[in-house]
Amino acid sequence: MEIRPLYDRIIVKRIDQQRQTASGIVIPDSATEKPEQGDVIAVGTGRLLHDGNIRPLQVAKGDRVLFGKYAGQTVKVDDQELLVLKEEDVLGIIEASPSASLKKVA
């Protein structure tokens, strides 16, 4: 099934976090936090402005984005957990290489 978000909404697939520490300790699913970055898999047409015009989104399909811990709505589609966000919930687009990862600072 394919989802087509409306207006300024985007569909994001969270990136799985590493579940093992540098010293080799495996962290159980119950102790890990949900990742705060993901890959955009679909975007809406744009933000509807007060004058009726539509402003295109700055986020594009395939972008890796950073978002807030409690941002968006989680939905399950075809046994896959996805996140529906508004563009304003996106904190930034990660332009680093795919092998680079951001570390959360306490």
PDB file of N, CA and C in Angstrom:
ATOM      1  N   MET A   1       0.844  -1.171   0.000  1.00  0.00           N
ATOM      2  CA  MET A   1       0.000   0.000   0.000  1.00  0.00           C
ATOM      3  C   MET A   1       0.894   1.240   0.000  1.00  0.00           C
ATOM      4  N   GLU A   2       0.492   2.237  -0.730  1.00  0.00           N
ATOM      5  CA  GLU A   2       1.253   3.482  -0.805  1.00  0.00           C
ATOM      6  C   GLU A   2       0.450   4.601  -0.157  1.00  0.00           C
ATOM      7  N   ILE A   3       1.128   5.455   0.590  1.00  0.00           N
ATOM      8  CA  ILE A   3       0.471   6.580   1.257  1.00  0.00           C
ATOM      9  C   ILE A   3       0.868   7.867   0.548  1.00  0.00           C
ATOM     10  N   ARG A   4      -0.118   8.714   0.287  1.00  0.00           N
ATOM     11  CA  ARG A   4       0.140  10.029  -0.297  1.00  0.00           C
ATOM     12  C   ARG A   4      -0.301  11.068   0.734  1.00  0.00           C
ATOM     13  N   PRO A   5       0.662  11.700   1.414  1.00  0.00           N
ATOM     14  CA  PRO A   5       0.296  12.680   2.439  1.00  0.00           C
ATOM     15  C   PRO A   5      -0.316  13.937   1.818  1.00  0.00           C
ATOM     16  N   LEU A   6      -1.156  14.595   2.577  1.00  0.00           N
ATOM     17  CA  LEU A   6      -1.815  15.811   2.113  1.00  0.00           C
ATOM     18  C   LEU A   6      -1.049  17.056   2.548  1.00  0.00           C
ATOM     19  N   TYR A   7      -1.093  18.062   1.706  1.00  0.00           N
ATOM     20  CA  TYR A   7      -0.537  19.391   1.957  1.00  0.00           C
ATOM     21  C   TYR A   7       0.884  19.351   2.509  1.00  0.00           C
ATOM     22  N   ASP A   8       1.101  19.861   3.743  1.00  0.00           N
ATOM     23  CA  ASP A   8       2.471  20.008   4.256  1.00  0.00           C
ATOM     24  C   ASP A   8       2.901  18.842   5.149  1.00  0.00           C
ATOM     25  N   ARG A   9       2.282  17.699   4.949  1.00  0.00           N
ATOM     26  CA  ARG A   9       2.665  16.526   5.738  1.00  0.00           C
ATOM     27  C   ARG A   9       3.678  15.679   4.974  1.00  0.00           C
ATOM     28  N   ILE A  10       4.506  14.976   5.752  1.00  0.00           N
ATOM     29  CA  ILE A  10       5.492  14.068   5.168  1.00  0.00           C
ATOM     30  C   ILE A  10       5.421  12.733   5.902  1.00  0.00           C
ATOM     31  N   ILE A  11       5.804  11.663   5.220  1.00  0.00           N
ATOM     32  CA  ILE A  11       5.856  10.328   5.815  1.00  0.00           C
ATOM     33  C   ILE A  11       7.325   9.965   5.983  1.00  0.00           C
ATOM     34  N   VAL A  12       7.691   9.565   7.203  1.00  0.00           N
ATOM     35  CA  VAL A  12       9.083   9.267   7.534  1.00  0.00           C
ATOM     36  C   VAL A  12       9.189   7.855   8.090  1.00  0.00           C
ATOM     37  N   LYS A  13      10.218   7.143   7.646  1.00  0.00           N
ATOM     38  CA  LYS A  13      10.542   5.838   8.225  1.00  0.00           C
ATOM     39  C   LYS A  13      11.731   6.055   9.147  1.00  0.00           C
ATOM     40  N   ARG A  14      11.530   5.763  10.432  1.00  0.00           N
ATOM     41  CA  ARG A  14      12.606   5.947  11.413  1.00  0.00           C
ATOM     42  C   ARG A  14      13.796   5.063  11.064  1.00  0.00           C
ATOM     43  N   ILE A  15      14.990   5.560  11.385  1.00  0.00           N
ATOM     44  CA  ILE A  15      16.216   4.799  11.177  1.00  0.00           C
ATOM     45  C   ILE A  15      16.477   3.996  12.437  1.00  0.00           C
ATOM     46  N   ASP A  16      16.711   2.706  12.280  1.00  0.00           N
ATOM     47  CA  ASP A  16      16.994   1.857  13.433  1.00  0.00           C
ATOM     48  C   ASP A  16      18.289   2.285  14.090  1.00  0.00           C
ATOM     49  N   GLN A  17      18.235   2.393  15.421  1.00  0.00           N
ATOM     50  CA  GLN A  17      19.431   2.736  16.172  1.00  0.00           C
ATOM     51  C   GLN A  17      20.240   1.490  16.453  1.00  0.00           C
ATOM     52  N   GLN A  18      21.518   1.703  16.698  1.00  0.00           N
ATOM     53  CA  GLN A  18      22.384   0.594  17.071  1.00  0.00           C
ATOM     54  C   GLN A  18      21.969   0.125  18.457  1.00  0.00           C
ATOM     55  N   ARG A  19      21.768  -1.171  18.620  1.00  0.00           N
ATOM     56  CA  ARG A  19      21.299  -1.716  19.890  1.00  0.00           C
ATOM     57  C   ARG A  19      22.412  -2.403  20.665  1.00  0.00           C
ATOM     58  N   GLN A  20      23.623  -1.939  20.422  1.00  0.00           N
ATOM     59  CA  GLN A  20      24.768  -2.506  21.112  1.00  0.00           C
ATOM     60  C   GLN A  20      25.748  -1.374  21.411  1.00  0.00           C
ATOM     61  N   THR A  21      26.267  -1.357  22.635  1.00  0.00           N
ATOM     62  CA  THR A  21      27.223  -0.321  23.007  1.00  0.00           C
ATOM     63  C   THR A  21      28.585  -0.634  22.410  1.00  0.00           C
ATOM     64  N   ALA A  22      29.490   0.331  22.497  1.00  0.00           N
ATOM     65  CA  ALA A  22      30.843   0.145  21.964  1.00  0.00           C
ATOM     66  C   ALA A  22      31.568  -1.008  22.650  1.00  0.00           C
ATOM     67  N   SER A  23      31.218  -1.271  23.906  1.00  0.00           N
ATOM     68  CA  SER A  23      31.871  -2.362  24.635  1.00  0.00           C
ATOM     69  C   SER A  23      31.206  -3.712  24.395  1.00  0.00           C
ATOM     70  N   GLY A  24      30.142  -3.745  23.573  1.00  0.00           N
ATOM     71  CA  GLY A  24      29.516  -5.010  23.209  1.00  0.00           C
ATOM     72  C   GLY A  24      28.267  -5.365  23.988  1.00  0.00           C
ATOM     73  N   ILE A  25      27.808  -4.493  24.880  1.00  0.00           N
ATOM     74  CA  ILE A  25      26.599  -4.766  25.657  1.00  0.00           C
ATOM     75  C   ILE A  25      25.384  -4.535  24.769  1.00  0.00           C
ATOM     76  N   VAL A  26      24.504  -5.530  24.694  1.00  0.00           N
ATOM     77  CA  VAL A  26      23.293  -5.432  23.881  1.00  0.00           C
ATOM     78  C   VAL A  26      22.209  -4.744  24.703  1.00  0.00           C
ATOM     79  N   ILE A  27      21.598  -3.717  24.112  1.00  0.00           N
ATOM     80  CA  ILE A  27      20.547  -2.963  24.786  1.00  0.00           C
ATOM     81  C   ILE A  27      19.197  -3.521  24.342  1.00  0.00           C
ATOM     82  N   PRO A  28      18.323  -3.939  25.284  1.00  0.00           N
ATOM     83  CA  PRO A  28      17.016  -4.484  24.898  1.00  0.00           C
ATOM     84  C   PRO A  28      16.106  -3.402  24.316  1.00  0.00           C
ATOM     85  N   ASP A  29      15.130  -3.828  23.502  1.00  0.00           N
ATOM     86  CA  ASP A  29      14.200  -2.888  22.870  1.00  0.00           C
ATOM     87  C   ASP A  29      13.489  -2.013  23.890  1.00  0.00           C
ATOM     88  N   SER A  30      13.159  -2.584  25.056  1.00  0.00           N
ATOM     89  CA  SER A  30      12.412  -1.838  26.066  1.00  0.00           C
ATOM     90  C   SER A  30      13.221  -0.687  26.653  1.00  0.00           C
ATOM     91  N   ALA A  31      14.539  -0.738  26.549  1.00  0.00           N
ATOM     92  CA  ALA A  31      15.395   0.298  27.131  1.00  0.00           C
ATOM     93  C   ALA A  31      15.857   1.330  26.110  1.00  0.00           C
ATOM     94  N   THR A  32      15.608   1.096  24.844  1.00  0.00           N
ATOM     95  CA  THR A  32      16.070   2.040  23.824  1.00  0.00           C
ATOM     96  C   THR A  32      15.006   3.093  23.548  1.00  0.00           C
ATOM     97  N   GLU A  33      15.455   4.294  23.247  1.00  0.00           N
ATOM     98  CA  GLU A  33      14.542   5.362  22.858  1.00  0.00           C
ATOM     99  C   GLU A  33      14.307   5.281  21.357  1.00  0.00           C
ATOM    100  N   LYS A  34      13.159   5.773  20.928  1.00  0.00           N
ATOM    101  CA  LYS A  34      12.890   5.790  19.494  1.00  0.00           C
ATOM    102  C   LYS A  34      13.838   6.781  18.833  1.00  0.00           C
ATOM    103  N   PRO A  35      14.349   6.428  17.664  1.00  0.00           N
ATOM    104  CA  PRO A  35      15.272   7.340  16.982  1.00  0.00           C
ATOM    105  C   PRO A  35      14.574   8.632  16.578  1.00  0.00           C
ATOM    106  N   GLU A  36      15.337   9.700  16.545  1.00  0.00           N
ATOM    107  CA  GLU A  36      14.803  11.011  16.209  1.00  0.00           C
ATOM    108  C   GLU A  36      15.260  11.458  14.835  1.00  0.00           C
ATOM    109  N   GLN A  37      15.579  10.496  13.992  1.00  0.00           N
ATOM    110  CA  GLN A  37      15.900  10.798  12.604  1.00  0.00           C
ATOM    111  C   GLN A  37      15.335   9.688  11.730  1.00  0.00           C
ATOM    112  N   GLY A  38      15.094  10.035  10.478  1.00  0.00           N
ATOM    113  CA  GLY A  38      14.521   9.052   9.576  1.00  0.00           C
ATOM    114  C   GLY A  38      14.614   9.503   8.134  1.00  0.00           C
ATOM    115  N   ASP A  39      14.197   8.602   7.257  1.00  0.00           N
ATOM    116  CA  ASP A  39      14.212   8.871   5.824  1.00  0.00           C
ATOM    117  C   ASP A  39      12.807   9.214   5.351  1.00  0.00           C
ATOM    118  N   VAL A  40      12.696  10.281   4.570  1.00  0.00           N
ATOM    119  CA  VAL A  40      11.407  10.710   4.029  1.00  0.00           C
ATOM    120  C   VAL A  40      11.036   9.771   2.888  1.00  0.00           C
ATOM    121  N   ILE A  41       9.854   9.145   2.987  1.00  0.00           N
ATOM    122  CA  ILE A  41       9.430   8.226   1.930  1.00  0.00           C
ATOM    123  C   ILE A  41       8.298   8.794   1.072  1.00  0.00           C
ATOM    124  N   ALA A  42       7.654   9.879   1.556  1.00  0.00           N
ATOM    125  CA  ALA A  42       6.606  10.530   0.762  1.00  0.00           C
ATOM    126  C   ALA A  42       6.396  11.946   1.284  1.00  0.00           C
ATOM    127  N   VAL A  43       6.046  12.860   0.384  1.00  0.00           N
ATOM    128  CA  VAL A  43       5.773  14.253   0.765  1.00  0.00           C
ATOM    129  C   VAL A  43       4.457  14.710   0.144  1.00  0.00           C
ATOM    130  N   GLY A  44       3.816  15.647   0.827  1.00  0.00           N
ATOM    131  CA  GLY A  44       2.585  16.226   0.311  1.00  0.00           C
ATOM    132  C   GLY A  44       2.870  17.270  -0.761  1.00  0.00           C
ATOM    133  N   THR A  45       1.810  17.911  -1.238  1.00  0.00           N
ATOM    134  CA  THR A  45       1.937  18.882  -2.329  1.00  0.00           C
ATOM    135  C   THR A  45       2.528  20.206  -1.880  1.00  0.00           C
ATOM    136  N   GLY A  46       2.357  20.557  -0.609  1.00  0.00           N
ATOM    137  CA  GLY A  46       2.894  21.818  -0.103  1.00  0.00           C
ATOM    138  C   GLY A  46       1.967  22.440   0.916  1.00  0.00           C
ATOM    139  N   ARG A  47       2.441  23.522   1.511  1.00  0.00           N
ATOM    140  CA  ARG A  47       1.674  24.208   2.553  1.00  0.00           C
ATOM    141  C   ARG A  47       0.649  25.139   1.916  1.00  0.00           C
ATOM    142  N   LEU A  48      -0.594  25.025   2.356  1.00  0.00           N
ATOM    143  CA  LEU A  48      -1.671  25.881   1.871  1.00  0.00           C
ATOM    144  C   LEU A  48      -1.587  27.228   2.589  1.00  0.00           C
ATOM    145  N   LEU A  49      -1.381  28.294   1.830  1.00  0.00           N
ATOM    146  CA  LEU A  49      -1.246  29.636   2.396  1.00  0.00           C
ATOM    147  C   LEU A  49      -2.610  30.306   2.521  1.00  0.00           C
ATOM    148  N   HIS A  50      -2.661  31.403   3.281  1.00  0.00           N
ATOM    149  CA  HIS A  50      -3.925  32.117   3.513  1.00  0.00           C
ATOM    150  C   HIS A  50      -4.549  32.647   2.229  1.00  0.00           C
ATOM    151  N   ASP A  51      -3.719  32.981   1.242  1.00  0.00           N
ATOM    152  CA  ASP A  51      -4.251  33.518  -0.014  1.00  0.00           C
ATOM    153  C   ASP A  51      -4.677  32.425  -0.995  1.00  0.00           C
ATOM    154  N   GLY A  52      -4.594  31.159  -0.562  1.00  0.00           N
ATOM    155  CA  GLY A  52      -5.019  30.052  -1.413  1.00  0.00           C
ATOM    156  C   GLY A  52      -3.911  29.416  -2.228  1.00  0.00           C
ATOM    157  N   ASN A  53      -2.752  30.047  -2.265  1.00  0.00           N
ATOM    158  CA  ASN A  53      -1.615  29.465  -2.983  1.00  0.00           C
ATOM    159  C   ASN A  53      -0.994  28.335  -2.171  1.00  0.00           C
ATOM    160  N   ILE A  54      -0.247  27.490  -2.847  1.00  0.00           N
ATOM    161  CA  ILE A  54       0.438  26.385  -2.183  1.00  0.00           C
ATOM    162  C   ILE A  54       1.939  26.603  -2.309  1.00  0.00           C
ATOM    163  N   ARG A  55       2.630  26.631  -1.149  1.00  0.00           N
ATOM    164  CA  ARG A  55       4.087  26.780  -1.123  1.00  0.00           C
ATOM    165  C   ARG A  55       4.702  25.390  -1.109  1.00  0.00           C
ATOM    166  N   PRO A  56       5.558  25.078  -2.083  1.00  0.00           N
ATOM    167  CA  PRO A  56       6.181  23.750  -2.125  1.00  0.00           C
ATOM    168  C   PRO A  56       7.006  23.491  -0.865  1.00  0.00           C
ATOM    169  N   LEU A  57       7.124  22.225  -0.496  1.00  0.00           N
ATOM    170  CA  LEU A  57       7.894  21.849   0.687  1.00  0.00           C
ATOM    171  C   LEU A  57       9.388  21.916   0.409  1.00  0.00           C
ATOM    172  N   GLN A  58      10.165  22.181   1.453  1.00  0.00           N
ATOM    173  CA  GLN A  58      11.619  22.197   1.340  1.00  0.00           C
ATOM    174  C   GLN A  58      12.187  20.795   1.512  1.00  0.00           C
ATOM    175  N   VAL A  59      11.401  19.905   2.074  1.00  0.00           N
ATOM    176  CA  VAL A  59      11.813  18.518   2.285  1.00  0.00           C
ATOM    177  C   VAL A  59      11.391  17.708   1.065  1.00  0.00           C
ATOM    178  N   ALA A  60      12.254  16.804   0.619  1.00  0.00           N
ATOM    179  CA  ALA A  60      11.957  15.982  -0.554  1.00  0.00           C
ATOM    180  C   ALA A  60      12.054  14.501  -0.204  1.00  0.00           C
ATOM    181  N   LYS A  61      11.413  13.691  -1.015  1.00  0.00           N
ATOM    182  CA  LYS A  61      11.492  12.246  -0.848  1.00  0.00           C
ATOM    183  C   LYS A  61      12.959  11.820  -0.930  1.00  0.00           C
ATOM    184  N   GLY A  62      13.375  10.976   0.012  1.00  0.00           N
ATOM    185  CA  GLY A  62      14.754  10.506   0.042  1.00  0.00           C
ATOM    186  C   GLY A  62      15.644  11.273   1.009  1.00  0.00           C
ATOM    187  N   ASP A  63      15.180  12.441   1.494  1.00  0.00           N
ATOM    188  CA  ASP A  63      15.967  13.211   2.465  1.00  0.00           C
ATOM    189  C   ASP A  63      16.012  12.485   3.804  1.00  0.00           C
ATOM    190  N   ARG A  64      17.114  12.638   4.506  1.00  0.00           N
ATOM    191  CA  ARG A  64      17.222  12.149   5.886  1.00  0.00           C
ATOM    192  C   ARG A  64      16.985  13.358   6.782  1.00  0.00           C
ATOM    193  N   VAL A  65      15.992  13.260   7.675  1.00  0.00           N
ATOM    194  CA  VAL A  65      15.593  14.405   8.483  1.00  0.00           C
ATOM    195  C   VAL A  65      15.748  14.122   9.973  1.00  0.00           C
ATOM    196  N   LEU A  66      15.848  15.205  10.718  1.00  0.00           N
ATOM    197  CA  LEU A  66      15.938  15.179  12.166  1.00  0.00           C
ATOM    198  C   LEU A  66      14.659  15.809  12.691  1.00  0.00           C
ATOM    199  N   PHE A  67      14.026  15.188  13.693  1.00  0.00           N
ATOM    200  CA  PHE A  67      12.766  15.699  14.216  1.00  0.00           C
ATOM    201  C   PHE A  67      12.741  15.543  15.729  1.00  0.00           C
ATOM    202  N   GLY A  68      11.792  16.203  16.371  1.00  0.00           N
ATOM    203  CA  GLY A  68      11.671  16.171  17.822  1.00  0.00           C
ATOM    204  C   GLY A  68      11.227  14.813  18.344  1.00  0.00           C
ATOM    205  N   LYS A  69      11.535  14.581  19.594  1.00  0.00           N
ATOM    206  CA  LYS A  69      11.253  13.298  20.244  1.00  0.00           C
ATOM    207  C   LYS A  69       9.765  12.937  20.205  1.00  0.00           C
ATOM    208  N   TYR A  70       8.909  13.922  20.402  1.00  0.00           N
ATOM    209  CA  TYR A  70       7.468  13.662  20.465  1.00  0.00           C
ATOM    210  C   TYR A  70       6.724  14.176  19.233  1.00  0.00           C
ATOM    211  N   ALA A  71       7.434  14.423  18.157  1.00  0.00           N
ATOM    212  CA  ALA A  71       6.825  14.985  16.951  1.00  0.00           C
ATOM    213  C   ALA A  71       6.031  13.935  16.184  1.00  0.00           C
ATOM    214  N   GLY A  72       4.978  14.385  15.543  1.00  0.00           N
ATOM    215  CA  GLY A  72       4.244  13.545  14.607  1.00  0.00           C
ATOM    216  C   GLY A  72       3.345  12.495  15.223  1.00  0.00           C
ATOM    217  N   GLN A  73       2.783  11.696  14.340  1.00  0.00           N
ATOM    218  CA  GLN A  73       1.860  10.623  14.698  1.00  0.00           C
ATOM    219  C   GLN A  73       2.372   9.320  14.100  1.00  0.00           C
ATOM    220  N   THR A  74       2.515   8.300  14.933  1.00  0.00           N
ATOM    221  CA  THR A  74       2.980   7.002  14.455  1.00  0.00           C
ATOM    222  C   THR A  74       1.801   6.216  13.890  1.00  0.00           C
ATOM    223  N   VAL A  75       1.979   5.654  12.699  1.00  0.00           N
ATOM    224  CA  VAL A  75       0.962   4.809  12.069  1.00  0.00           C
ATOM    225  C   VAL A  75       1.625   3.514  11.616  1.00  0.00           C
ATOM    226  N   LYS A  76       0.822   2.474  11.492  1.00  0.00           N
ATOM    227  CA  LYS A  76       1.346   1.189  11.035  1.00  0.00           C
ATOM    228  C   LYS A  76       0.697   0.861   9.693  1.00  0.00           C
ATOM    229  N   VAL A  77       1.531   0.672   8.674  1.00  0.00           N
ATOM    230  CA  VAL A  77       1.057   0.358   7.333  1.00  0.00           C
ATOM    231  C   VAL A  77       1.810  -0.864   6.838  1.00  0.00           C
ATOM    232  N   ASP A  78       1.086  -1.900   6.467  1.00  0.00           N
ATOM    233  CA  ASP A  78       1.702  -3.143   5.991  1.00  0.00           C
ATOM    234  C   ASP A  78       2.775  -3.643   6.959  1.00  0.00           C
ATOM    235  N   ASP A  79       2.448  -3.680   8.250  1.00  0.00           N
ATOM    236  CA  ASP A  79       3.367  -4.137   9.303  1.00  0.00           C
ATOM    237  C   ASP A  79       4.642  -3.314   9.381  1.00  0.00           C
ATOM    238  N   GLN A  80       4.605  -2.092   8.896  1.00  0.00           N
ATOM    239  CA  GLN A  80       5.756  -1.199   8.943  1.00  0.00           C
ATOM    240  C   GLN A  80       5.346   0.051   9.721  1.00  0.00           C
ATOM    241  N   GLU A  81       6.144   0.416  10.736  1.00  0.00           N
ATOM    242  CA  GLU A  81       5.843   1.587  11.544  1.00  0.00           C
ATOM    243  C   GLU A  81       6.386   2.839  10.862  1.00  0.00           C
ATOM    244  N   LEU A  82       5.489   3.779  10.577  1.00  0.00           N
ATOM    245  CA  LEU A  82       5.852   5.025   9.903  1.00  0.00           C
ATOM    246  C   LEU A  82       5.441   6.205  10.765  1.00  0.00           C
ATOM    247  N   LEU A  83       6.016   7.352  10.488  1.00  0.00           N
ATOM    248  CA  LEU A  83       5.725   8.561  11.236  1.00  0.00           C
ATOM    249  C   LEU A  83       5.185   9.615  10.274  1.00  0.00           C
ATOM    250  N   VAL A  84       4.037  10.202  10.614  1.00  0.00           N
ATOM    251  CA  VAL A  84       3.455  11.277   9.815  1.00  0.00           C
ATOM    252  C   VAL A  84       3.775  12.590  10.527  1.00  0.00           C
ATOM    253  N   LEU A  85       4.511  13.453   9.838  1.00  0.00           N
ATOM    254  CA  LEU A  85       4.938  14.735  10.401  1.00  0.00           C
ATOM    255  C   LEU A  85       4.450  15.881   9.537  1.00  0.00           C
ATOM    256  N   LYS A  86       4.286  17.053  10.143  1.00  0.00           N
ATOM    257  CA  LYS A  86       4.136  18.275   9.365  1.00  0.00           C
ATOM    258  C   LYS A  86       5.540  18.786   9.095  1.00  0.00           C
ATOM    259  N   GLU A  87       5.712  19.507   8.011  1.00  0.00           N
ATOM    260  CA  GLU A  87       7.047  20.010   7.677  1.00  0.00           C
ATOM    261  C   GLU A  87       7.619  20.861   8.808  1.00  0.00           C
ATOM    262  N   GLU A  88       6.773  21.583   9.525  1.00  0.00           N
ATOM    263  CA  GLU A  88       7.261  22.434  10.617  1.00  0.00           C
ATOM    264  C   GLU A  88       7.830  21.627  11.786  1.00  0.00           C
ATOM    265  N   ASP A  89       7.516  20.320  11.865  1.00  0.00           N
ATOM    266  CA  ASP A  89       8.075  19.457  12.911  1.00  0.00           C
ATOM    267  C   ASP A  89       9.496  19.006  12.596  1.00  0.00           C
ATOM    268  N   VAL A  90       9.931  19.208  11.363  1.00  0.00           N
ATOM    269  CA  VAL A  90      11.280  18.807  10.961  1.00  0.00           C
ATOM    270  C   VAL A  90      12.260  19.869  11.447  1.00  0.00           C
ATOM    271  N   LEU A  91      13.264  19.423  12.206  1.00  0.00           N
ATOM    272  CA  LEU A  91      14.262  20.344  12.748  1.00  0.00           C
ATOM    273  C   LEU A  91      15.350  20.645  11.734  1.00  0.00           C
ATOM    274  N   GLY A  92      15.604  19.696  10.840  1.00  0.00           N
ATOM    275  CA  GLY A  92      16.632  19.914   9.836  1.00  0.00           C
ATOM    276  C   GLY A  92      16.784  18.720   8.922  1.00  0.00           C
ATOM    277  N   ILE A  93      17.475  18.946   7.816  1.00  0.00           N
ATOM    278  CA  ILE A  93      17.788  17.889   6.856  1.00  0.00           C
ATOM    279  C   ILE A  93      19.247  17.516   7.062  1.00  0.00           C
ATOM    280  N   ILE A  94      19.511  16.238   7.249  1.00  0.00           N
ATOM    281  CA  ILE A  94      20.875  15.765   7.476  1.00  0.00           C
ATOM    282  C   ILE A  94      21.536  15.572   6.124  1.00  0.00           C
ATOM    283  N   GLU A  95      22.607  16.307   5.890  1.00  0.00           N
ATOM    284  CA  GLU A  95      23.280  16.250   4.600  1.00  0.00           C
ATOM    285  C   GLU A  95      24.606  15.511   4.666  1.00  0.00           C
ATOM    286  N   ALA A  96      24.856  14.823   5.779  1.00  0.00           N
ATOM    287  CA  ALA A  96      26.086  14.041   5.924  1.00  0.00           C
ATOM    288  C   ALA A  96      25.958  12.752   5.129  1.00  0.00           C
ATOM    289  N   SER A  97      27.059  12.040   4.995  1.00  0.00           N
ATOM    290  CA  SER A  97      27.031  10.764   4.283  1.00  0.00           C
ATOM    291  C   SER A  97      26.173   9.774   5.062  1.00  0.00           C
ATOM    292  N   PRO A  98      25.542   8.795   4.380  1.00  0.00           N
ATOM    293  CA  PRO A  98      24.674   7.837   5.055  1.00  0.00           C
ATOM    294  C   PRO A  98      25.377   7.036   6.149  1.00  0.00           C
ATOM    295  N   SER A  99      26.689   6.872   6.051  1.00  0.00           N
ATOM    296  CA  SER A  99      27.397   6.096   7.067  1.00  0.00           C
ATOM    297  C   SER A  99      27.617   6.898   8.346  1.00  0.00           C
ATOM    298  N   ALA A 100      27.524   8.226   8.252  1.00  0.00           N
ATOM    299  CA  ALA A 100      27.690   9.058   9.445  1.00  0.00           C
ATOM    300  C   ALA A 100      26.403   9.029  10.251  1.00  0.00           C
ATOM    301  N   SER A 101      26.523   9.047  11.564  1.00  0.00           N
ATOM    302  CA  SER A 101      25.326   9.070  12.395  1.00  0.00           C
ATOM    303  C   SER A 101      25.473  10.139  13.460  1.00  0.00           C
ATOM    304  N   LEU A 102      24.342  10.711  13.849  1.00  0.00           N
ATOM    305  CA  LEU A 102      24.345  11.736  14.880  1.00  0.00           C
ATOM    306  C   LEU A 102      24.216  11.071  16.234  1.00  0.00           C
ATOM    307  N   LYS A 103      24.945  11.556  17.185  1.00  0.00           N
ATOM    308  CA  LYS A 103      24.871  11.051  18.551  1.00  0.00           C
ATOM    309  C   LYS A 103      24.084  12.049  19.382  1.00  0.00           C
ATOM    310  N   LYS A 104      23.195  11.536  20.236  1.00  0.00           N
ATOM    311  CA  LYS A 104      22.403  12.387  21.098  1.00  0.00           C
ATOM    312  C   LYS A 104      23.254  12.846  22.271  1.00  0.00           C
ATOM    313  N   VAL A 105      23.193  14.134  22.549  1.00  0.00           N
ATOM    314  CA  VAL A 105      23.925  14.696  23.677  1.00  0.00           C
ATOM    315  C   VAL A 105      22.980  14.781  24.857  1.00  0.00           C
ATOM    316  N   ALA A 106      23.433  14.413  26.024  1.00  0.00           N
ATOM    317  CA  ALA A 106      22.598  14.397  27.233  1.00  0.00           C
ATOM    318  C   ALA A 106      22.058  15.717  27.582  1.00  0.00           C
TER     319      ALA A 106
END
